[in-house]
Amino acid sequence: GGSTFHANSVKGRFTISRDNAKNTVYLQMNSLKPEDTAVYYCNRVPS
């Protein structure tokens, strides 16, 4: 239904969204920091 949760480490900088018609999930990442360096994956919760 679109309710979101963001970890404290990314809150205020990252925004998750989804388009159910396109079966797609997005992650808008702003104000990136070196500590955000990683491989990013999507999956169900729980996975």
All heavy atoms as atom14 arrays in JSON, in Angstrom:
{
  "sequence": "GGSTFHANSVKGRFTISRDNAKNTVYLQMNSLKPEDTAVYYCNRVPS",
  "atom14_mask": [
    [1, 1, 1, 1, 0, 0, 0, 0, 0, 0, 0, 0, 0, 0],
    [1, 1, 1, 1, 0, 0, 0, 0, 0, 0, 0, 0, 0, 0],
    [1, 1, 1, 1, 1, 1, 0, 0, 0, 0, 0, 0, 0, 0],
    [1, 1, 1, 1, 1, 1, 1, 0, 0, 0, 0, 0, 0, 0],
    [1, 1, 1, 1, 1, 1, 1, 1, 1, 1, 1, 0, 0, 0],
    [1, 1, 1, 1, 1, 1, 1, 1, 1, 1, 0, 0, 0, 0],
    [1, 1, 1, 1, 1, 0, 0, 0, 0, 0, 0, 0, 0, 0],
    [1, 1, 1, 1, 1, 1, 1, 1, 0, 0, 0, 0, 0, 0],
    [1, 1, 1, 1, 1, 1, 0, 0, 0, 0, 0, 0, 0, 0],
    [1, 1, 1, 1, 1, 1, 1, 0, 0, 0, 0, 0, 0, 0],
    [1, 1, 1, 1, 1, 1, 1, 1, 1, 0, 0, 0, 0, 0],
    [1, 1, 1, 1, 0, 0, 0, 0, 0, 0, 0, 0, 0, 0],
    [1, 1, 1, 1, 1, 1, 1, 1, 1, 1, 1, 0, 0, 0],
    [1, 1, 1, 1, 1, 1, 1, 1, 1, 1, 1, 0, 0, 0],
    [1, 1, 1, 1, 1, 1, 1, 0, 0, 0, 0, 0, 0, 0],
    [1, 1, 1, 1, 1, 1, 1, 1, 0, 0, 0, 0, 0, 0],
    [1, 1, 1, 1, 1, 1, 0, 0, 0, 0, 0, 0, 0, 0],
    [1, 1, 1, 1, 1, 1, 1, 1, 1, 1, 1, 0, 0, 0],
    [1, 1, 1, 1, 1, 1, 1, 1, 0, 0, 0, 0, 0, 0],
    [1, 1, 1, 1, 1, 1, 1, 1, 0, 0, 0, 0, 0, 0],
    [1, 1, 1, 1, 1, 0, 0, 0, 0, 0, 0, 0, 0, 0],
    [1, 1, 1, 1, 1, 1, 1, 1, 1, 0, 0, 0, 0, 0],
    [1, 1, 1, 1, 1, 1, 1, 1, 0, 0, 0, 0, 0, 0],
    [1, 1, 1, 1, 1, 1, 1, 0, 0, 0, 0, 0, 0, 0],
    [1, 1, 1, 1, 1, 1, 1, 0, 0, 0, 0, 0, 0, 0],
    [1, 1, 1, 1, 1, 1, 1, 1, 1, 1, 1, 1, 0, 0],
    [1, 1, 1, 1, 1, 1, 1, 1, 0, 0, 0, 0, 0, 0],
    [1, 1, 1, 1, 1, 1, 1, 1, 1, 0, 0, 0, 0, 0],
    [1, 1, 1, 1, 1, 1, 1, 1, 0, 0, 0, 0, 0, 0],
    [1, 1, 1, 1, 1, 1, 1, 1, 0, 0, 0, 0, 0, 0],
    [1, 1, 1, 1, 1, 1, 0, 0, 0, 0, 0, 0, 0, 0],
    [1, 1, 1, 1, 1, 1, 1, 1, 0, 0, 0, 0, 0, 0],
    [1, 1, 1, 1, 1, 1, 1, 1, 1, 0, 0, 0, 0, 0],
    [1, 1, 1, 1, 1, 1, 1, 0, 0, 0, 0, 0, 0, 0],
    [1, 1, 1, 1, 1, 1, 1, 1, 1, 0, 0, 0, 0, 0],
    [1, 1, 1, 1, 1, 1, 1, 1, 0, 0, 0, 0, 0, 0],
    [1, 1, 1, 1, 1, 1, 1, 0, 0, 0, 0, 0, 0, 0],
    [1, 1, 1, 1, 1, 0, 0, 0, 0, 0, 0, 0, 0, 0],
    [1, 1, 1, 1, 1, 1, 1, 0, 0, 0, 0, 0, 0, 0],
    [1, 1, 1, 1, 1, 1, 1, 1, 1, 1, 1, 1, 0, 0],
    [1, 1, 1, 1, 1, 1, 1, 1, 1, 1, 1, 1, 0, 0],
    [1, 1, 1, 1, 1, 1, 0, 0, 0, 0, 0, 0, 0, 0],
    [1, 1, 1, 1, 1, 1, 1, 1, 0, 0, 0, 0, 0, 0],
    [1, 1, 1, 1, 1, 1, 1, 1, 1, 1, 1, 0, 0, 0],
    [1, 1, 1, 1, 1, 1, 1, 0, 0, 0, 0, 0, 0, 0],
    [1, 1, 1, 1, 1, 1, 1, 0, 0, 0, 0, 0, 0, 0],
    [1, 1, 1, 1, 1, 1, 0, 0, 0, 0, 0, 0, 0, 0]
  ],
  "atom14_positions": [
    [[0.78, -1.23, 0.0], [0.0, 0.0, 0.0], [0.81, 1.27, 0.0], [0.25, 2.37, -0.06], [0.0, 0.0, 0.0], [0.0, 0.0, 0.0], [0.0, 0.0, 0.0], [0.0, 0.0, 0.0], [0.0, 0.0, 0.0], [0.0, 0.0, 0.0], [0.0, 0.0, 0.0], [0.0, 0.0, 0.0], [0.0, 0.0, 0.0], [0.0, 0.0, 0.0]],
    [[2.14, 1.14, 0.08], [2.99, 2.31, -0.01], [3.56, 2.85, 1.29], [4.26, 3.86, 1.29], [0.0, 0.0, 0.0], [0.0, 0.0, 0.0], [0.0, 0.0, 0.0], [0.0, 0.0, 0.0], [0.0, 0.0, 0.0], [0.0, 0.0, 0.0], [0.0, 0.0, 0.0], [0.0, 0.0, 0.0], [0.0, 0.0, 0.0], [0.0, 0.0, 0.0]],
    [[3.29, 2.18, 2.41], [3.91, 2.61, 3.67], [5.38, 2.23, 3.65], [5.75, 1.14, 3.22], [3.21, 1.93, 4.84], [1.87, 2.34, 4.92], [0.0, 0.0, 0.0], [0.0, 0.0, 0.0], [0.0, 0.0, 0.0], [0.0, 0.0, 0.0], [0.0, 0.0, 0.0], [0.0, 0.0, 0.0], [0.0, 0.0, 0.0], [0.0, 0.0, 0.0]],
    [[6.21, 3.15, 4.15], [7.65, 2.95, 4.04], [8.35, 2.95, 5.39], [7.84, 3.5, 6.38], [8.29, 4.03, 3.15], [8.08, 5.31, 3.75], [7.7, 4.02, 1.76], [0.0, 0.0, 0.0], [0.0, 0.0, 0.0], [0.0, 0.0, 0.0], [0.0, 0.0, 0.0], [0.0, 0.0, 0.0], [0.0, 0.0, 0.0], [0.0, 0.0, 0.0]],
    [[9.51, 2.33, 5.39], [10.44, 2.36, 6.52], [11.83, 2.57, 5.93], [12.19, 1.95, 4.93], [10.41, 1.05, 7.29], [11.61, 0.85, 8.17], [11.67, 1.44, 9.43], [12.7, 0.12, 7.73], [12.78, 1.28, 10.23], [13.82, -0.03, 8.52], [13.87, 0.55, 9.77], [0.0, 0.0, 0.0], [0.0, 0.0, 0.0], [0.0, 0.0, 0.0]],
    [[12.59, 3.47, 6.56], [13.98, 3.68, 6.15], [14.87, 3.55, 7.37], [14.56, 4.09, 8.44], [14.15, 5.07, 5.53], [13.37, 5.27, 4.26], [12.03, 5.63, 4.27], [13.72, 5.14, 2.96], [11.61, 5.71, 3.02], [12.61, 5.42, 2.2], [0.0, 0.0, 0.0], [0.0, 0.0, 0.0], [0.0, 0.0, 0.0], [0.0, 0.0, 0.0]],
    [[15.98, 2.86, 7.22], [16.94, 2.73, 8.31], [17.47, 4.1, 8.7], [17.55, 5.02, 7.88], [18.08, 1.82, 7.89], [0.0, 0.0, 0.0], [0.0, 0.0, 0.0], [0.0, 0.0, 0.0], [0.0, 0.0, 0.0], [0.0, 0.0, 0.0], [0.0, 0.0, 0.0], [0.0, 0.0, 0.0], [0.0, 0.0, 0.0], [0.0, 0.0, 0.0]],
    [[17.86, 4.22, 9.96], [18.36, 5.52, 10.45], [19.54, 6.02, 9.63], [19.7, 7.23, 9.44], [18.76, 5.39, 11.92], [17.56, 5.3, 12.85], [16.47, 5.73, 12.49], [17.76, 4.74, 14.03], [0.0, 0.0, 0.0], [0.0, 0.0, 0.0], [0.0, 0.0, 0.0], [0.0, 0.0, 0.0], [0.0, 0.0, 0.0], [0.0, 0.0, 0.0]],
    [[20.36, 5.1, 9.15], [21.56, 5.49, 8.42], [21.25, 6.18, 7.08], [22.11, 6.87, 6.53], [22.45, 4.27, 8.18], [21.74, 3.28, 7.45], [0.0, 0.0, 0.0], [0.0, 0.0, 0.0], [0.0, 0.0, 0.0], [0.0, 0.0, 0.0], [0.0, 0.0, 0.0], [0.0, 0.0, 0.0], [0.0, 0.0, 0.0], [0.0, 0.0, 0.0]],
    [[20.04, 5.99, 6.56], [19.69, 6.58, 5.26], [18.48, 7.49, 5.33], [18.12, 8.13, 4.34], [19.44, 5.49, 4.19], [20.63, 4.54, 4.11], [18.16, 4.72, 4.48], [0.0, 0.0, 0.0], [0.0, 0.0, 0.0], [0.0, 0.0, 0.0], [0.0, 0.0, 0.0], [0.0, 0.0, 0.0], [0.0, 0.0, 0.0], [0.0, 0.0, 0.0]],
    [[17.87, 7.58, 6.49], [16.65, 8.38, 6.64], [16.91, 9.83, 6.27], [17.92, 10.42, 6.68], [16.14, 8.27, 8.07], [14.72, 8.76, 8.27], [14.25, 8.46, 9.69], [14.12, 6.98, 9.96], [13.61, 6.68, 11.32], [0.0, 0.0, 0.0], [0.0, 0.0, 0.0], [0.0, 0.0, 0.0], [0.0, 0.0, 0.0], [0.0, 0.0, 0.0]],
    [[16.01, 10.39, 5.47], [16.15, 11.77, 5.03], [17.0, 11.92, 3.78], [17.05, 13.01, 3.19], [0.0, 0.0, 0.0], [0.0, 0.0, 0.0], [0.0, 0.0, 0.0], [0.0, 0.0, 0.0], [0.0, 0.0, 0.0], [0.0, 0.0, 0.0], [0.0, 0.0, 0.0], [0.0, 0.0, 0.0], [0.0, 0.0, 0.0], [0.0, 0.0, 0.0]],
    [[17.68, 10.84, 3.37], [18.53, 10.89, 2.17], [18.03, 9.94, 1.08], [18.13, 10.26, -0.11], [19.98, 10.54, 2.51], [20.6, 11.46, 3.54], [22.09, 11.16, 3.72], [22.34, 9.81, 4.21], [23.05, 8.9, 3.54], [23.58, 9.19, 2.37], [23.24, 7.7, 4.07], [0.0, 0.0, 0.0], [0.0, 0.0, 0.0], [0.0, 0.0, 0.0]],
    [[17.53, 8.79, 1.48], [17.05, 7.77, 0.54], [15.52, 7.71, 0.61], [14.93, 7.88, 1.67], [17.59, 6.39, 0.9], [19.07, 6.18, 0.69], [19.92, 7.25, 0.4], [19.61, 4.91, 0.8], [21.28, 7.04, 0.22], [20.96, 4.69, 0.62], [21.8, 5.77, 0.34], [0.0, 0.0, 0.0], [0.0, 0.0, 0.0], [0.0, 0.0, 0.0]],
    [[14.91, 7.4, -0.53], [13.46, 7.23, -0.59], [13.12, 6.01, -1.43], [13.51, 5.94, -2.6], [12.77, 8.46, -1.18], [13.12, 9.62, -0.43], [11.26, 8.29, -1.17], [0.0, 0.0, 0.0], [0.0, 0.0, 0.0], [0.0, 0.0, 0.0], [0.0, 0.0, 0.0], [0.0, 0.0, 0.0], [0.0, 0.0, 0.0], [0.0, 0.0, 0.0]],
    [[12.39, 5.08, -0.83], [11.94, 3.9, -1.56], [10.55, 4.16, -2.12], [9.73, 4.84, -1.49], [11.95, 2.65, -0.64], [11.7, 1.38, -1.45], [10.95, 2.79, 0.5], [11.91, 0.09, -0.64], [0.0, 0.0, 0.0], [0.0, 0.0, 0.0], [0.0, 0.0, 0.0], [0.0, 0.0, 0.0], [0.0, 0.0, 0.0], [0.0, 0.0, 0.0]],
    [[10.29, 3.62, -3.3], [8.97, 3.72, -3.91], [8.74, 2.48, -4.77], [9.67, 1.7, -5.0], [8.83, 5.0, -4.74], [9.77, 5.02, -5.8], [0.0, 0.0, 0.0], [0.0, 0.0, 0.0], [0.0, 0.0, 0.0], [0.0, 0.0, 0.0], [0.0, 0.0, 0.0], [0.0, 0.0, 0.0], [0.0, 0.0, 0.0], [0.0, 0.0, 0.0]],
    [[7.52, 2.31, -5.23], [7.22, 1.14, -6.07], [6.14, 1.48, -7.08], [5.32, 2.37, -6.86], [6.79, -0.04, -5.2], [5.45, 0.12, -4.52], [5.21, -0.98, -3.47], [5.08, -2.3, -4.06], [5.16, -3.44, -3.34], [5.39, -3.4, -2.04], [5.02, -4.62, -3.94], [0.0, 0.0, 0.0], [0.0, 0.0, 0.0], [0.0, 0.0, 0.0]],
    [[6.14, 0.74, -8.16], [5.11, 0.83, -9.19], [4.6, -0.59, -9.39], [5.24, -1.39, -10.09], [5.68, 1.42, -10.48], [4.61, 1.65, -11.54], [3.56, 0.96, -11.49], [4.81, 2.48, -12.41], [0.0, 0.0, 0.0], [0.0, 0.0, 0.0], [0.0, 0.0, 0.0], [0.0, 0.0, 0.0], [0.0, 0.0, 0.0], [0.0, 0.0, 0.0]],
    [[3.47, -0.92, -8.77], [2.97, -2.29, -8.84], [2.58, -2.69, -10.26], [2.69, -3.85, -10.64], [1.77, -2.46, -7.9], [2.18, -2.45, -6.44], [3.32, -2.77, -6.1], [1.26, -2.06, -5.57], [0.0, 0.0, 0.0], [0.0, 0.0, 0.0], [0.0, 0.0, 0.0], [0.0, 0.0, 0.0], [0.0, 0.0, 0.0], [0.0, 0.0, 0.0]],
    [[2.14, -1.74, -11.06], [1.76, -2.04, -12.44], [2.98, -2.47, -13.27], [2.84, -3.24, -14.23], [1.1, -0.84, -13.09], [0.0, 0.0, 0.0], [0.0, 0.0, 0.0], [0.0, 0.0, 0.0], [0.0, 0.0, 0.0], [0.0, 0.0, 0.0], [0.0, 0.0, 0.0], [0.0, 0.0, 0.0], [0.0, 0.0, 0.0], [0.0, 0.0, 0.0]],
    [[4.15, -1.97, -12.89], [5.38, -2.31, -13.61], [6.22, -3.35, -12.88], [7.32, -3.67, -13.33], [6.21, -1.05, -13.84], [5.55, -0.02, -14.75], [6.46, 1.18, -14.96], [5.82, 2.19, -15.91], [6.69, 3.38, -16.11], [0.0, 0.0, 0.0], [0.0, 0.0, 0.0], [0.0, 0.0, 0.0], [0.0, 0.0, 0.0], [0.0, 0.0, 0.0]],
    [[5.72, -3.85, -11.73], [6.5, -4.81, -10.94], [7.91, -4.28, -10.65], [8.9, -5.01, -10.75], [6.59, -6.17, -11.64], [5.35, -7.0, -11.46], [4.32, -6.51, -10.99], [5.4, -8.26, -11.84], [0.0, 0.0, 0.0], [0.0, 0.0, 0.0], [0.0, 0.0, 0.0], [0.0, 0.0, 0.0], [0.0, 0.0, 0.0], [0.0, 0.0, 0.0]],
    [[7.99, -3.03, -10.28], [9.29, -2.38, -10.1], [9.34, -1.63, -8.78], [8.36, -1.01, -8.37], [9.58, -1.42, -11.27], [9.54, -2.15, -12.5], [10.95, -0.78, -11.13], [0.0, 0.0, 0.0], [0.0, 0.0, 0.0], [0.0, 0.0, 0.0], [0.0, 0.0, 0.0], [0.0, 0.0, 0.0], [0.0, 0.0, 0.0], [0.0, 0.0, 0.0]],
    [[10.5, -1.72, -8.13], [10.79, -0.98, -6.9], [11.96, -0.04, -7.19], [12.88, -0.41, -7.93], [11.17, -1.93, -5.75], [11.36, -1.16, -4.46], [10.12, -3.0, -5.57], [0.0, 0.0, 0.0], [0.0, 0.0, 0.0], [0.0, 0.0, 0.0], [0.0, 0.0, 0.0], [0.0, 0.0, 0.0], [0.0, 0.0, 0.0], [0.0, 0.0, 0.0]],
    [[11.9, 1.14, -6.61], [12.94, 2.14, -6.84], [13.58, 2.55, -5.51], [12.97, 2.45, -4.45], [12.34, 3.39, -7.49], [11.6, 3.12, -8.78], [10.21, 2.99, -8.79], [12.29, 2.98, -9.98], [9.52, 2.73, -9.97], [11.61, 2.73, -11.17], [10.23, 2.6, -11.16], [9.56, 2.35, -12.33], [0.0, 0.0, 0.0], [0.0, 0.0, 0.0]],
    [[14.8, 3.05, -5.6], [15.46, 3.65, -4.45], [16.14, 4.92, -4.93], [17.13, 4.86, -5.67], [16.47, 2.71, -3.8], [17.07, 3.22, -2.49], [16.01, 3.28, -1.39], [18.24, 2.35, -2.05], [0.0, 0.0, 0.0], [0.0, 0.0, 0.0], [0.0, 0.0, 0.0], [0.0, 0.0, 0.0], [0.0, 0.0, 0.0], [0.0, 0.0, 0.0]],
    [[15.58, 6.07, -4.56], [16.21, 7.35, -4.86], [17.2, 7.65, -3.75], [16.82, 7.7, -2.57], [15.15, 8.45, -4.94], [15.72, 9.83, -5.2], [16.36, 9.95, -6.57], [15.81, 9.49, -7.56], [17.53, 10.58, -6.62], [0.0, 0.0, 0.0], [0.0, 0.0, 0.0], [0.0, 0.0, 0.0], [0.0, 0.0, 0.0], [0.0, 0.0, 0.0]],
    [[18.44, 7.84, -4.12], [19.51, 8.07, -3.15], [20.11, 9.44, -3.38], [20.68, 9.7, -4.44], [20.58, 6.98, -3.28], [20.03, 5.57, -3.18], [21.32, 4.31, -3.1], [22.09, 4.55, -4.68], [0.0, 0.0, 0.0], [0.0, 0.0, 0.0], [0.0, 0.0, 0.0], [0.0, 0.0, 0.0], [0.0, 0.0, 0.0], [0.0, 0.0, 0.0]],
    [[19.96, 10.32, -2.4], [20.51, 11.67, -2.47], [21.56, 11.86, -1.38], [21.63, 11.08, -0.43], [19.39, 12.7, -2.29], [18.33, 12.61, -3.37], [18.62, 12.25, -4.53], [17.09, 12.93, -3.03], [0.0, 0.0, 0.0], [0.0, 0.0, 0.0], [0.0, 0.0, 0.0], [0.0, 0.0, 0.0], [0.0, 0.0, 0.0], [0.0, 0.0, 0.0]],
    [[22.34, 12.9, -1.51], [23.36, 13.23, -0.5], [24.2, 12.01, -0.15], [24.42, 11.7, 1.03], [22.69, 13.8, 0.75], [21.93, 14.96, 0.44], [0.0, 0.0, 0.0], [0.0, 0.0, 0.0], [0.0, 0.0, 0.0], [0.0, 0.0, 0.0], [0.0, 0.0, 0.0], [0.0, 0.0, 0.0], [0.0, 0.0, 0.0], [0.0, 0.0, 0.0]],
    [[24.65, 11.32, -1.17], [25.39, 10.07, -0.94], [26.7, 10.33, -0.21], [27.35, 11.37, -0.37], [25.65, 9.38, -2.27], [24.43, 8.63, -2.83], [24.58, 8.39, -4.32], [24.24, 7.31, -2.09], [0.0, 0.0, 0.0], [0.0, 0.0, 0.0], [0.0, 0.0, 0.0], [0.0, 0.0, 0.0], [0.0, 0.0, 0.0], [0.0, 0.0, 0.0]],
    [[27.06, 9.35, 0.63], [28.27, 9.4, 1.43], [29.17, 8.22, 1.07], [28.67, 7.17, 0.62], [27.92, 9.32, 2.91], [26.96, 10.4, 3.4], [26.6, 10.17, 4.86], [25.63, 11.22, 5.36], [25.29, 11.02, 6.79], [0.0, 0.0, 0.0], [0.0, 0.0, 0.0], [0.0, 0.0, 0.0], [0.0, 0.0, 0.0], [0.0, 0.0, 0.0]],
    [[30.47, 8.32, 1.3], [31.35, 7.18, 1.03], [30.91, 5.91, 1.74], [31.07, 4.81, 1.19], [32.71, 7.67, 1.53], [32.66, 9.15, 1.34], [31.24, 9.52, 1.67], [0.0, 0.0, 0.0], [0.0, 0.0, 0.0], [0.0, 0.0, 0.0], [0.0, 0.0, 0.0], [0.0, 0.0, 0.0], [0.0, 0.0, 0.0], [0.0, 0.0, 0.0]],
    [[30.33, 6.03, 2.92], [29.88, 4.85, 3.65], [28.64, 4.19, 3.04], [28.23, 3.12, 3.48], [29.61, 5.18, 5.12], [28.7, 6.36, 5.35], [29.49, 7.65, 5.62], [30.49, 7.9, 4.91], [29.08, 8.4, 6.54], [0.0, 0.0, 0.0], [0.0, 0.0, 0.0], [0.0, 0.0, 0.0], [0.0, 0.0, 0.0], [0.0, 0.0, 0.0]],
    [[28.07, 4.8, 2.02], [26.96, 4.17, 1.29], [27.48, 3.2, 0.22], [26.69, 2.5, -0.41], [26.08, 5.22, 0.61], [25.37, 6.12, 1.59], [24.86, 5.59, 2.62], [25.29, 7.34, 1.35], [0.0, 0.0, 0.0], [0.0, 0.0, 0.0], [0.0, 0.0, 0.0], [0.0, 0.0, 0.0], [0.0, 0.0, 0.0], [0.0, 0.0, 0.0]],
    [[28.79, 3.17, 0.02], [29.38, 2.26, -0.96], [29.07, 0.82, -0.61], [29.34, 0.36, 0.49], [30.9, 2.46, -1.05], [31.17, 3.78, -1.54], [31.55, 1.44, -1.95], [0.0, 0.0, 0.0], [0.0, 0.0, 0.0], [0.0, 0.0, 0.0], [0.0, 0.0, 0.0], [0.0, 0.0, 0.0], [0.0, 0.0, 0.0], [0.0, 0.0, 0.0]],
    [[28.45, 0.1, -1.56], [28.01, -1.27, -1.33], [27.4, -1.82, -2.61], [27.15, -1.06, -3.56], [26.98, -1.33, -0.2], [0.0, 0.0, 0.0], [0.0, 0.0, 0.0], [0.0, 0.0, 0.0], [0.0, 0.0, 0.0], [0.0, 0.0, 0.0], [0.0, 0.0, 0.0], [0.0, 0.0, 0.0], [0.0, 0.0, 0.0], [0.0, 0.0, 0.0]],
    [[27.13, -3.11, -2.61], [26.27, -3.7, -3.63], [24.84, -3.66, -3.1], [24.59, -4.09, -1.97], [26.68, -5.15, -3.96], [25.75, -5.72, -5.03], [28.13, -5.2, -4.43], [0.0, 0.0, 0.0], [0.0, 0.0, 0.0], [0.0, 0.0, 0.0], [0.0, 0.0, 0.0], [0.0, 0.0, 0.0], [0.0, 0.0, 0.0], [0.0, 0.0, 0.0]],
    [[23.95, -3.13, -3.89], [22.55, -2.97, -3.48], [21.7, -4.03, -4.17], [21.83, -4.27, -5.38], [22.06, -1.57, -3.84], [22.58, -0.51, -2.9], [23.92, -0.12, -2.93], [21.75, 0.08, -1.95], [24.41, 0.83, -2.06], [22.23, 1.04, -1.07], [23.57, 1.41, -1.13], [24.04, 2.35, -0.24], [0.0, 0.0, 0.0], [0.0, 0.0, 0.0]],
    [[20.81, -4.63, -3.38], [19.92, -5.68, -3.84], [18.49, -5.33, -3.45], [18.25, -4.73, -2.41], [20.25, -7.02, -3.18], [21.65, -7.51, -3.34], [22.66, -7.12, -2.46], [21.98, -8.42, -4.36], [23.95, -7.59, -2.6], [23.27, -8.9, -4.5], [24.24, -8.48, -3.61], [25.54, -8.97, -3.74], [0.0, 0.0, 0.0], [0.0, 0.0, 0.0]],
    [[17.55, -5.79, -4.25], [16.16, -5.73, -3.8], [15.68, -7.16, -3.55], [16.2, -8.13, -4.1], [15.25, -5.04, -4.81], [14.89, -6.0, -6.28], [0.0, 0.0, 0.0], [0.0, 0.0, 0.0], [0.0, 0.0, 0.0], [0.0, 0.0, 0.0], [0.0, 0.0, 0.0], [0.0, 0.0, 0.0], [0.0, 0.0, 0.0], [0.0, 0.0, 0.0]],
    [[14.7, -7.28, -2.67], [14.11, -8.58, -2.37], [12.85, -8.34, -1.54], [12.59, -7.22, -1.09], [15.09, -9.47, -1.6], [14.86, -10.95, -1.83], [13.73, -11.43, -1.78], [15.92, -11.69, -2.12], [0.0, 0.0, 0.0], [0.0, 0.0, 0.0], [0.0, 0.0, 0.0], [0.0, 0.0, 0.0], [0.0, 0.0, 0.0], [0.0, 0.0, 0.0]],
    [[12.12, -9.38, -1.34], [10.99, -9.3, -0.45], [11.5, -9.14, 0.98], [12.66, -9.43, 1.29], [10.19, -10.62, -0.57], [8.85, -10.63, 0.14], [8.22, -12.0, 0.08], [8.98, -12.98, 0.85], [8.55, -14.21, 1.1], [7.38, -14.62, 0.62], [9.27, -15.05, 1.8], [0.0, 0.0, 0.0], [0.0, 0.0, 0.0], [0.0, 0.0, 0.0]],
    [[10.6, -8.65, 1.87], [10.9, -8.59, 3.29], [9.85, -9.44, 4.0], [8.66, -9.07, 3.97], [10.86, -7.15, 3.84], [11.18, -7.13, 5.32], [11.84, -6.26, 3.05], [0.0, 0.0, 0.0], [0.0, 0.0, 0.0], [0.0, 0.0, 0.0], [0.0, 0.0, 0.0], [0.0, 0.0, 0.0], [0.0, 0.0, 0.0], [0.0, 0.0, 0.0]],
    [[10.24, -10.55, 4.64], [11.56, -11.18, 4.64], [11.91, -11.73, 3.26], [11.03, -11.95, 2.44], [11.4, -12.3, 5.66], [9.95, -12.65, 5.63], [9.24, -11.35, 5.4], [0.0, 0.0, 0.0], [0.0, 0.0, 0.0], [0.0, 0.0, 0.0], [0.0, 0.0, 0.0], [0.0, 0.0, 0.0], [0.0, 0.0, 0.0], [0.0, 0.0, 0.0]],
    [[13.2, -11.95, 3.08], [13.68, -12.22, 1.72], [13.33, -13.62, 1.23], [13.23, -14.58, 2.01], [15.19, -12.02, 1.66], [15.85, -12.97, 2.45], [0.0, 0.0, 0.0], [0.0, 0.0, 0.0], [0.0, 0.0, 0.0], [0.0, 0.0, 0.0], [0.0, 0.0, 0.0], [0.0, 0.0, 0.0], [0.0, 0.0, 0.0], [0.0, 0.0, 0.0]]
  ]
}
